[in-house]
Amino acid sequence: MKAIVDLFSTDYGLFSITVIVFVIAMGYWFYRFFVKKMEESEREVGRIER
């Protein structure tokens, strides 16, 4: 319980939450970015082979 209190009530706890949320959001953004680029690449390869 002390860990939860420290996580939400101290400056280093709040910074940790901020970093965790930022890394998760960045991972989601990179996932969408790379999936989009792979789909574009597949469309380009399809045009070249035809």
PDB file of N, CA and C in Angstrom:
ATOM      1  N   MET A   1       0.830  -1.198   0.000  1.00  0.00           N
ATOM      2  CA  MET A   1       0.000   0.000   0.000  1.00  0.00           C
ATOM      3  C   MET A   1       0.868   1.253   0.000  1.00  0.00           C
ATOM      4  N   LYS A   2       1.980   1.208   0.710  1.00  0.00           N
ATOM      5  CA  LYS A   2       2.887   2.364   0.754  1.00  0.00           C
ATOM      6  C   LYS A   2       3.416   2.694  -0.643  1.00  0.00           C
ATOM      7  N   ALA A   3       3.652   1.657  -1.440  1.00  0.00           N
ATOM      8  CA  ALA A   3       4.162   1.885  -2.795  1.00  0.00           C
ATOM      9  C   ALA A   3       3.142   2.641  -3.645  1.00  0.00           C
ATOM     10  N   ILE A   4       1.871   2.297  -3.503  1.00  0.00           N
ATOM     11  CA  ILE A   4       0.817   2.993  -4.260  1.00  0.00           C
ATOM     12  C   ILE A   4       0.726   4.443  -3.819  1.00  0.00           C
ATOM     13  N   VAL A   5       0.802   4.674  -2.522  1.00  0.00           N
ATOM     14  CA  VAL A   5       0.751   6.044  -2.001  1.00  0.00           C
ATOM     15  C   VAL A   5       1.940   6.842  -2.514  1.00  0.00           C
ATOM     16  N   ASP A   6       3.126   6.251  -2.473  1.00  0.00           N
ATOM     17  CA  ASP A   6       4.317   6.939  -2.985  1.00  0.00           C
ATOM     18  C   ASP A   6       4.197   7.201  -4.483  1.00  0.00           C
ATOM     19  N   LEU A   7       3.625   6.255  -5.232  1.00  0.00           N
ATOM     20  CA  LEU A   7       3.511   6.403  -6.675  1.00  0.00           C
ATOM     21  C   LEU A   7       2.667   7.616  -7.053  1.00  0.00           C
ATOM     22  N   PHE A   8       1.596   7.855  -6.321  1.00  0.00           N
ATOM     23  CA  PHE A   8       0.681   8.940  -6.680  1.00  0.00           C
ATOM     24  C   PHE A   8       0.883  10.225  -5.894  1.00  0.00           C
ATOM     25  N   SER A   9       1.761  10.210  -4.894  1.00  0.00           N
ATOM     26  CA  SER A   9       1.879  11.410  -4.062  1.00  0.00           C
ATOM     27  C   SER A   9       3.270  12.031  -4.048  1.00  0.00           C
ATOM     28  N   THR A  10       4.242  11.413  -4.670  1.00  0.00           N
ATOM     29  CA  THR A  10       5.591  11.996  -4.682  1.00  0.00           C
ATOM     30  C   THR A  10       5.948  12.432  -6.095  1.00  0.00           C
ATOM     31  N   ASP A  11       6.934  13.313  -6.162  1.00  0.00           N
ATOM     32  CA  ASP A  11       7.335  13.805  -7.478  1.00  0.00           C
ATOM     33  C   ASP A  11       7.952  12.696  -8.332  1.00  0.00           C
ATOM     34  N   TYR A  12       8.755  11.829  -7.736  1.00  0.00           N
ATOM     35  CA  TYR A  12       9.354  10.745  -8.520  1.00  0.00           C
ATOM     36  C   TYR A  12       8.312   9.696  -8.908  1.00  0.00           C
ATOM     37  N   GLY A  13       7.283   9.516  -8.109  1.00  0.00           N
ATOM     38  CA  GLY A  13       6.202   8.603  -8.468  1.00  0.00           C
ATOM     39  C   GLY A  13       5.396   9.123  -9.648  1.00  0.00           C
ATOM     40  N   LEU A  14       5.058  10.396  -9.592  1.00  0.00           N
ATOM     41  CA  LEU A  14       4.300  11.000 -10.689  1.00  0.00           C
ATOM     42  C   LEU A  14       5.114  11.028 -11.970  1.00  0.00           C
ATOM     43  N   PHE A  15       6.418  11.278 -11.834  1.00  0.00           N
ATOM     44  CA  PHE A  15       7.283  11.245 -13.012  1.00  0.00           C
ATOM     45  C   PHE A  15       7.327   9.829 -13.596  1.00  0.00           C
ATOM     46  N   SER A  16       7.361   8.828 -12.736  1.00  0.00           N
ATOM     47  CA  SER A  16       7.360   7.440 -13.207  1.00  0.00           C
ATOM     48  C   SER A  16       6.088   7.126 -13.982  1.00  0.00           C
ATOM     49  N   ILE A  17       4.948   7.551 -13.463  1.00  0.00           N
ATOM     50  CA  ILE A  17       3.683   7.337 -14.170  1.00  0.00           C
ATOM     51  C   ILE A  17       3.711   8.036 -15.522  1.00  0.00           C
ATOM     52  N   THR A  18       4.227   9.263 -15.540  1.00  0.00           N
ATOM     53  CA  THR A  18       4.310  10.023 -16.788  1.00  0.00           C
ATOM     54  C   THR A  18       5.166   9.289 -17.817  1.00  0.00           C
ATOM     55  N   VAL A  19       6.305   8.776 -17.386  1.00  0.00           N
ATOM     56  CA  VAL A  19       7.198   8.060 -18.302  1.00  0.00           C
ATOM     57  C   VAL A  19       6.535   6.783 -18.801  1.00  0.00           C
ATOM     58  N   ILE A  20       5.872   6.054 -17.933  1.00  0.00           N
ATOM     59  CA  ILE A  20       5.206   4.812 -18.323  1.00  0.00           C
ATOM     60  C   ILE A  20       4.122   5.096 -19.363  1.00  0.00           C
ATOM     61  N   VAL A  21       3.306   6.108 -19.115  1.00  0.00           N
ATOM     62  CA  VAL A  21       2.242   6.458 -20.062  1.00  0.00           C
ATOM     63  C   VAL A  21       2.844   6.921 -21.387  1.00  0.00           C
ATOM     64  N   PHE A  22       3.913   7.713 -21.329  1.00  0.00           N
ATOM     65  CA  PHE A  22       4.552   8.196 -22.548  1.00  0.00           C
ATOM     66  C   PHE A  22       5.110   7.035 -23.371  1.00  0.00           C
ATOM     67  N   VAL A  23       5.752   6.076 -22.728  1.00  0.00           N
ATOM     68  CA  VAL A  23       6.343   4.945 -23.444  1.00  0.00           C
ATOM     69  C   VAL A  23       5.251   4.084 -24.079  1.00  0.00           C
ATOM     70  N   ILE A  24       4.145   3.876 -23.374  1.00  0.00           N
ATOM     71  CA  ILE A  24       3.038   3.109 -23.946  1.00  0.00           C
ATOM     72  C   ILE A  24       2.455   3.833 -25.156  1.00  0.00           C
ATOM     73  N   ALA A  25       2.261   5.155 -25.032  1.00  0.00           N
ATOM     74  CA  ALA A  25       1.729   5.928 -26.154  1.00  0.00           C
ATOM     75  C   ALA A  25       2.695   5.923 -27.331  1.00  0.00           C
ATOM     76  N   MET A  26       3.979   6.027 -27.058  1.00  0.00           N
ATOM     77  CA  MET A  26       4.979   6.009 -28.117  1.00  0.00           C
ATOM     78  C   MET A  26       4.990   4.642 -28.809  1.00  0.00           C
ATOM     79  N   GLY A  27       4.849   3.568 -28.047  1.00  0.00           N
ATOM     80  CA  GLY A  27       4.789   2.231 -28.628  1.00  0.00           C
ATOM     81  C   GLY A  27       3.588   2.080 -29.536  1.00  0.00           C
ATOM     82  N   TYR A  28       2.441   2.597 -29.111  1.00  0.00           N
ATOM     83  CA  TYR A  28       1.239   2.539 -29.947  1.00  0.00           C
ATOM     84  C   TYR A  28       1.445   3.345 -31.228  1.00  0.00           C
ATOM     85  N   TRP A  29       2.039   4.540 -31.096  1.00  0.00           N
ATOM     86  CA  TRP A  29       2.274   5.367 -32.277  1.00  0.00           C
ATOM     87  C   TRP A  29       3.212   4.664 -33.251  1.00  0.00           C
ATOM     88  N   PHE A  30       4.317   4.074 -32.762  1.00  0.00           N
ATOM     89  CA  PHE A  30       5.243   3.365 -33.640  1.00  0.00           C
ATOM     90  C   PHE A  30       4.577   2.158 -34.294  1.00  0.00           C
ATOM     91  N   TYR A  31       3.739   1.445 -33.547  1.00  0.00           N
ATOM     92  CA  TYR A  31       3.022   0.303 -34.115  1.00  0.00           C
ATOM     93  C   TYR A  31       2.174   0.753 -35.293  1.00  0.00           C
ATOM     94  N   ARG A  32       1.362   1.794 -35.101  1.00  0.00           N
ATOM     95  CA  ARG A  32       0.504   2.293 -36.188  1.00  0.00           C
ATOM     96  C   ARG A  32       1.355   2.815 -37.353  1.00  0.00           C
ATOM     97  N   PHE A  33       2.433   3.504 -37.068  1.00  0.00           N
ATOM     98  CA  PHE A  33       3.310   4.053 -38.098  1.00  0.00           C
ATOM     99  C   PHE A  33       3.893   2.940 -38.971  1.00  0.00           C
ATOM    100  N   PHE A  34       4.434   1.900 -38.323  1.00  0.00           N
ATOM    101  CA  PHE A  34       5.063   0.825 -39.084  1.00  0.00           C
ATOM    102  C   PHE A  34       4.040  -0.007 -39.848  1.00  0.00           C
ATOM    103  N   VAL A  35       2.870  -0.247 -39.280  1.00  0.00           N
ATOM    104  CA  VAL A  35       1.829  -0.978 -39.995  1.00  0.00           C
ATOM    105  C   VAL A  35       1.407  -0.195 -41.236  1.00  0.00           C
ATOM    106  N   LYS A  36       1.259   1.118 -41.090  1.00  0.00           N
ATOM    107  CA  LYS A  36       0.890   1.958 -42.230  1.00  0.00           C
ATOM    108  C   LYS A  36       1.963   1.901 -43.318  1.00  0.00           C
ATOM    109  N   LYS A  37       3.227   1.985 -42.925  1.00  0.00           N
ATOM    110  CA  LYS A  37       4.314   1.934 -43.908  1.00  0.00           C
ATOM    111  C   LYS A  37       4.390   0.567 -44.589  1.00  0.00           C
ATOM    112  N   MET A  38       4.143  -0.508 -43.839  1.00  0.00           N
ATOM    113  CA  MET A  38       4.168  -1.831 -44.456  1.00  0.00           C
ATOM    114  C   MET A  38       3.039  -1.983 -45.466  1.00  0.00           C
ATOM    115  N   GLU A  39       1.861  -1.466 -45.149  1.00  0.00           N
ATOM    116  CA  GLU A  39       0.744  -1.529 -46.090  1.00  0.00           C
ATOM    117  C   GLU A  39       1.045  -0.717 -47.341  1.00  0.00           C
ATOM    118  N   GLU A  40       1.654   0.452 -47.177  1.00  0.00           N
ATOM    119  CA  GLU A  40       2.032   1.260 -48.341  1.00  0.00           C
ATOM    120  C   GLU A  40       3.054   0.521 -49.193  1.00  0.00           C
ATOM    121  N   SER A  41       4.007  -0.124 -48.537  1.00  0.00           N
ATOM    122  CA  SER A  41       5.036  -0.865 -49.257  1.00  0.00           C
ATOM    123  C   SER A  41       4.425  -2.026 -50.033  1.00  0.00           C
ATOM    124  N   GLU A  42       3.471  -2.723 -49.410  1.00  0.00           N
ATOM    125  CA  GLU A  42       2.814  -3.831 -50.113  1.00  0.00           C
ATOM    126  C   GLU A  42       2.057  -3.334 -51.333  1.00  0.00           C
ATOM    127  N   ARG A  43       1.427  -2.180 -51.222  1.00  0.00           N
ATOM    128  CA  ARG A  43       0.716  -1.615 -52.375  1.00  0.00           C
ATOM    129  C   ARG A  43       1.694  -1.239 -53.478  1.00  0.00           C
ATOM    130  N   GLU A  44       2.829  -0.684 -53.126  1.00  0.00           N
ATOM    131  CA  GLU A  44       3.847  -0.319 -54.114  1.00  0.00           C
ATOM    132  C   GLU A  44       4.402  -1.566 -54.806  1.00  0.00           C
ATOM    133  N   VAL A  45       4.679  -2.611 -54.068  1.00  0.00           N
ATOM    134  CA  VAL A  45       5.189  -3.848 -54.651  1.00  0.00           C
ATOM    135  C   VAL A  45       4.148  -4.441 -55.587  1.00  0.00           C
ATOM    136  N   GLY A  46       2.900  -4.364 -55.221  1.00  0.00           N
ATOM    137  CA  GLY A  46       1.833  -4.871 -56.079  1.00  0.00           C
ATOM    138  C   GLY A  46       1.768  -4.134 -57.390  1.00  0.00           C
ATOM    139  N   ARG A  47       2.005  -2.847 -57.385  1.00  0.00           N
ATOM    140  CA  ARG A  47       1.975  -2.040 -58.615  1.00  0.00           C
ATOM    141  C   ARG A  47       3.171  -2.373 -59.506  1.00  0.00           C
ATOM    142  N   ILE A  48       4.320  -2.599 -58.903  1.00  0.00           N
ATOM    143  CA  ILE A  48       5.530  -2.853 -59.678  1.00  0.00           C
ATOM    144  C   ILE A  48       5.451  -4.211 -60.362  1.00  0.00           C
ATOM    145  N   GLU A  49       4.928  -5.239 -59.679  1.00  0.00           N
ATOM    146  CA  GLU A  49       4.906  -6.591 -60.233  1.00  0.00           C
ATOM    147  C   GLU A  49       3.909  -6.744 -61.365  1.00  0.00           C
ATOM    148  N   ARG A  50       2.900  -5.927 -61.444  1.00  0.00           N
ATOM    149  CA  ARG A  50       1.869  -6.094 -62.461  1.00  0.00           C
ATOM    150  C   ARG A  50       2.281  -5.625 -63.785  1.00  0.00           C
TER     151      ARG A  50
END
